[in-house]
Every structure is written in C-alpha cells, then in structure tokens.
C-alpha cells in the first residue's frame, strides 16, 4: 500500500473496525466486508 491510504470504518457482527486502505480499494473492501458479515451472521445463527 502506498502512503495515500486512508482509514476506513467497517462493521462486522456489530463491531466497528478501522482499516487503512487505498482509495481505489475502498469499494472492494466494503463489498468484502458485507459478504464476510453475512457469512459470520449465518455461522452465528447455526
């Protein structure tokens, strides 16, 4: 990652995490976080 990274807030299982990522990776990070959150909730319910 280059020095242009910014901190992004993501939430997984109702817990907030701050992650540094490049601007062009922000959308991908949010989509990955949404998928992870759905999968983790499914596991928690089973």
PDB file of N, CA and C in Angstrom:
ATOM      1  N   UNK A   1       0.847  -1.176   0.000  1.00  0.00           N
ATOM      2  CA  UNK A   1       0.000   0.000   0.000  1.00  0.00           C
ATOM      3  C   UNK A   1       0.885   1.229   0.000  1.00  0.00           C
ATOM      4  N   UNK A   2       0.465   2.247  -0.719  1.00  0.00           N
ATOM      5  CA  UNK A   2       1.241   3.483  -0.728  1.00  0.00           C
ATOM      6  C   UNK A   2       0.821   4.395   0.407  1.00  0.00           C
ATOM      7  N   UNK A   3       1.484   5.534   0.516  1.00  0.00           N
ATOM      8  CA  UNK A   3       1.223   6.446   1.625  1.00  0.00           C
ATOM      9  C   UNK A   3      -0.096   7.198   1.489  1.00  0.00           C
ATOM     10  N   UNK A   4      -0.832   7.006   0.394  1.00  0.00           N
ATOM     11  CA  UNK A   4      -2.097   7.682   0.180  1.00  0.00           C
ATOM     12  C   UNK A   4      -3.276   6.987   0.825  1.00  0.00           C
ATOM     13  N   UNK A   5      -3.017   5.936   1.602  1.00  0.00           N
ATOM     14  CA  UNK A   5      -4.091   5.186   2.229  1.00  0.00           C
ATOM     15  C   UNK A   5      -4.825   6.010   3.277  1.00  0.00           C
ATOM     16  N   UNK A   6      -6.106   5.726   3.418  1.00  0.00           N
ATOM     17  CA  UNK A   6      -6.931   6.400   4.416  1.00  0.00           C
ATOM     18  C   UNK A   6      -7.598   5.354   5.285  1.00  0.00           C
ATOM     19  N   UNK A   7      -7.999   5.753   6.459  1.00  0.00           N
ATOM     20  CA  UNK A   7      -8.668   4.842   7.374  1.00  0.00           C
ATOM     21  C   UNK A   7     -10.145   4.732   7.016  1.00  0.00           C
ATOM     22  N   UNK A   8     -10.611   3.498   6.930  1.00  0.00           N
ATOM     23  CA  UNK A   8     -11.993   3.202   6.586  1.00  0.00           C
ATOM     24  C   UNK A   8     -12.612   2.451   7.751  1.00  0.00           C
ATOM     25  N   UNK A   9     -13.827   2.798   8.106  1.00  0.00           N
ATOM     26  CA  UNK A   9     -14.551   2.117   9.173  1.00  0.00           C
ATOM     27  C   UNK A   9     -15.436   1.040   8.556  1.00  0.00           C
ATOM     28  N   UNK A  10     -15.302  -0.197   9.052  1.00  0.00           N
ATOM     29  CA  UNK A  10     -16.162  -1.300   8.623  1.00  0.00           C
ATOM     30  C   UNK A  10     -16.757  -1.947   9.873  1.00  0.00           C
ATOM     31  N   UNK A  11     -17.920  -2.553   9.720  1.00  0.00           N
ATOM     32  CA  UNK A  11     -18.583  -3.196  10.851  1.00  0.00           C
ATOM     33  C   UNK A  11     -18.819  -4.660  10.528  1.00  0.00           C
ATOM     34  N   UNK A  12     -18.375  -5.512  11.455  1.00  0.00           N
ATOM     35  CA  UNK A  12     -18.567  -6.947  11.330  1.00  0.00           C
ATOM     36  C   UNK A  12     -19.149  -7.437  12.647  1.00  0.00           C
ATOM     37  N   UNK A  13     -20.308  -8.080  12.565  1.00  0.00           N
ATOM     38  CA  UNK A  13     -21.011  -8.561  13.756  1.00  0.00           C
ATOM     39  C   UNK A  13     -21.160  -7.465  14.803  1.00  0.00           C
ATOM     40  N   UNK A  14     -21.618  -6.322  14.347  1.00  0.00           N
ATOM     41  CA  UNK A  14     -21.906  -5.165  15.199  1.00  0.00           C
ATOM     42  C   UNK A  14     -20.683  -4.596  15.910  1.00  0.00           C
ATOM     43  N   UNK A  15     -19.494  -4.919  15.424  1.00  0.00           N
ATOM     44  CA  UNK A  15     -18.269  -4.354  15.984  1.00  0.00           C
ATOM     45  C   UNK A  15     -17.558  -3.562  14.898  1.00  0.00           C
ATOM     46  N   UNK A  16     -17.150  -2.358  15.239  1.00  0.00           N
ATOM     47  CA  UNK A  16     -16.507  -1.484  14.266  1.00  0.00           C
ATOM     48  C   UNK A  16     -14.996  -1.720  14.256  1.00  0.00           C
ATOM     49  N   UNK A  17     -14.456  -1.778  13.043  1.00  0.00           N
ATOM     50  CA  UNK A  17     -13.017  -1.933  12.843  1.00  0.00           C
ATOM     51  C   UNK A  17     -12.541  -0.797  11.953  1.00  0.00           C
ATOM     52  N   UNK A  18     -11.374  -0.269  12.231  1.00  0.00           N
ATOM     53  CA  UNK A  18     -10.761   0.755  11.396  1.00  0.00           C
ATOM     54  C   UNK A  18      -9.625   0.109  10.616  1.00  0.00           C
ATOM     55  N   UNK A  19      -9.701   0.216   9.296  1.00  0.00           N
ATOM     56  CA  UNK A  19      -8.736  -0.427   8.417  1.00  0.00           C
ATOM     57  C   UNK A  19      -8.192   0.613   7.458  1.00  0.00           C
ATOM     58  N   UNK A  20      -6.906   0.598   7.262  1.00  0.00           N
ATOM     59  CA  UNK A  20      -6.282   1.518   6.313  1.00  0.00           C
ATOM     60  C   UNK A  20      -6.258   0.866   4.939  1.00  0.00           C
ATOM     61  N   UNK A  21      -6.701   1.608   3.935  1.00  0.00           N
ATOM     62  CA  UNK A  21      -6.641   1.081   2.568  1.00  0.00           C
ATOM     63  C   UNK A  21      -6.563   2.242   1.575  1.00  0.00           C
ATOM     64  N   UNK A  22      -6.106   1.914   0.376  1.00  0.00           N
ATOM     65  CA  UNK A  22      -6.019   2.907  -0.684  1.00  0.00           C
ATOM     66  C   UNK A  22      -7.416   3.285  -1.163  1.00  0.00           C
ATOM     67  N   UNK A  23      -7.534   4.484  -1.667  1.00  0.00           N
ATOM     68  CA  UNK A  23      -8.820   4.993  -2.150  1.00  0.00           C
ATOM     69  C   UNK A  23      -9.442   4.061  -3.192  1.00  0.00           C
ATOM     70  N   UNK A  24      -8.630   3.547  -4.124  1.00  0.00           N
ATOM     71  CA  UNK A  24      -9.173   2.700  -5.193  1.00  0.00           C
ATOM     72  C   UNK A  24      -9.594   1.321  -4.686  1.00  0.00           C
ATOM     73  N   UNK A  25      -9.190   0.948  -3.482  1.00  0.00           N
ATOM     74  CA  UNK A  25      -9.577  -0.343  -2.916  1.00  0.00           C
ATOM     75  C   UNK A  25     -10.759  -0.240  -1.954  1.00  0.00           C
ATOM     76  N   UNK A  26     -11.218   0.952  -1.686  1.00  0.00           N
ATOM     77  CA  UNK A  26     -12.266   1.186  -0.686  1.00  0.00           C
ATOM     78  C   UNK A  26     -13.561   0.442  -1.025  1.00  0.00           C
ATOM     79  N   UNK A  27     -14.020   0.529  -2.268  1.00  0.00           N
ATOM     80  CA  UNK A  27     -15.267  -0.134  -2.657  1.00  0.00           C
ATOM     81  C   UNK A  27     -15.149  -1.648  -2.502  1.00  0.00           C
ATOM     82  N   UNK A  28     -14.028  -2.210  -2.926  1.00  0.00           N
ATOM     83  CA  UNK A  28     -13.800  -3.649  -2.802  1.00  0.00           C
ATOM     84  C   UNK A  28     -13.775  -4.062  -1.331  1.00  0.00           C
ATOM     85  N   UNK A  29     -13.156  -3.263  -0.487  1.00  0.00           N
ATOM     86  CA  UNK A  29     -13.122  -3.545   0.942  1.00  0.00           C
ATOM     87  C   UNK A  29     -14.534  -3.569   1.530  1.00  0.00           C
ATOM     88  N   UNK A  30     -15.361  -2.603   1.166  1.00  0.00           N
ATOM     89  CA  UNK A  30     -16.738  -2.569   1.683  1.00  0.00           C
ATOM     90  C   UNK A  30     -17.546  -3.774   1.207  1.00  0.00           C
ATOM     91  N   UNK A  31     -17.376  -4.162  -0.048  1.00  0.00           N
ATOM     92  CA  UNK A  31     -18.106  -5.330  -0.558  1.00  0.00           C
ATOM     93  C   UNK A  31     -17.647  -6.613   0.128  1.00  0.00           C
ATOM     94  N   UNK A  32     -16.342  -6.744   0.345  1.00  0.00           N
ATOM     95  CA  UNK A  32     -15.809  -7.925   1.032  1.00  0.00           C
ATOM     96  C   UNK A  32     -16.306  -7.967   2.482  1.00  0.00           C
ATOM     97  N   UNK A  33     -16.351  -6.810   3.115  1.00  0.00           N
ATOM     98  CA  UNK A  33     -16.825  -6.735   4.498  1.00  0.00           C
ATOM     99  C   UNK A  33     -18.293  -7.124   4.588  1.00  0.00           C
ATOM    100  N   UNK A  34     -19.107  -6.685   3.640  1.00  0.00           N
ATOM    101  CA  UNK A  34     -20.524  -7.042   3.637  1.00  0.00           C
ATOM    102  C   UNK A  34     -20.699  -8.558   3.503  1.00  0.00           C
ATOM    103  N   UNK A  35     -19.937  -9.169   2.605  1.00  0.00           N
ATOM    104  CA  UNK A  35     -20.012 -10.620   2.417  1.00  0.00           C
ATOM    105  C   UNK A  35     -19.562 -11.340   3.685  1.00  0.00           C
ATOM    106  N   UNK A  36     -18.463 -10.911   4.264  1.00  0.00           N
ATOM    107  CA  UNK A  36     -17.974 -11.524   5.493  1.00  0.00           C
ATOM    108  C   UNK A  36     -18.994 -11.392   6.618  1.00  0.00           C
ATOM    109  N   UNK A  37     -19.612 -10.233   6.732  1.00  0.00           N
ATOM    110  CA  UNK A  37     -20.603 -10.006   7.775  1.00  0.00           C
ATOM    111  C   UNK A  37     -21.803 -10.946   7.612  1.00  0.00           C
ATOM    112  N   UNK A  38     -22.274 -11.119   6.409  1.00  0.00           N
ATOM    113  CA  UNK A  38     -23.393 -12.035   6.143  1.00  0.00           C
ATOM    114  C   UNK A  38     -23.008 -13.462   6.521  1.00  0.00           C
ATOM    115  N   UNK A  39     -21.823 -13.892   6.099  1.00  0.00           N
ATOM    116  CA  UNK A  39     -21.376 -15.263   6.395  1.00  0.00           C
ATOM    117  C   UNK A  39     -21.200 -15.475   7.897  1.00  0.00           C
ATOM    118  N   UNK A  40     -20.634 -14.496   8.587  1.00  0.00           N
ATOM    119  CA  UNK A  40     -20.426 -14.607  10.026  1.00  0.00           C
ATOM    120  C   UNK A  40     -21.765 -14.658  10.767  1.00  0.00           C
ATOM    121  N   UNK A  41     -22.748 -13.881  10.320  1.00  0.00           N
ATOM    122  CA  UNK A  41     -24.073 -13.922  10.944  1.00  0.00           C
ATOM    123  C   UNK A  41     -24.736 -15.281  10.726  1.00  0.00           C
ATOM    124  N   UNK A  42     -24.552 -15.854   9.524  1.00  0.00           N
ATOM    125  CA  UNK A  42     -25.094 -17.192   9.256  1.00  0.00           C
ATOM    126  C   UNK A  42     -24.484 -18.228  10.199  1.00  0.00           C
ATOM    127  N   UNK A  43     -23.184 -18.146  10.396  1.00  0.00           N
ATOM    128  CA  UNK A  43     -22.499 -19.082  11.283  1.00  0.00           C
ATOM    129  C   UNK A  43     -22.976 -18.887  12.717  1.00  0.00           C
ATOM    130  N   UNK A  44     -23.130 -17.657  13.119  1.00  0.00           N
ATOM    131  CA  UNK A  44     -23.557 -17.359  14.487  1.00  0.00           C
ATOM    132  C   UNK A  44     -24.961 -17.899  14.761  1.00  0.00           C
ATOM    133  N   UNK A  45     -25.833 -17.873  13.743  1.00  0.00           N
ATOM    134  CA  UNK A  45     -27.208 -18.353  13.905  1.00  0.00           C
ATOM    135  C   UNK A  45     -27.304 -19.871  13.938  1.00  0.00           C
ATOM    136  N   UNK A  46     -26.324 -20.565  13.373  1.00  0.00           N
ATOM    137  CA  UNK A  46     -26.419 -22.044  13.299  1.00  0.00           C
ATOM    138  C   UNK A  46     -25.913 -22.727  14.539  1.00  0.00           C
TER     139      UNK A  46
END
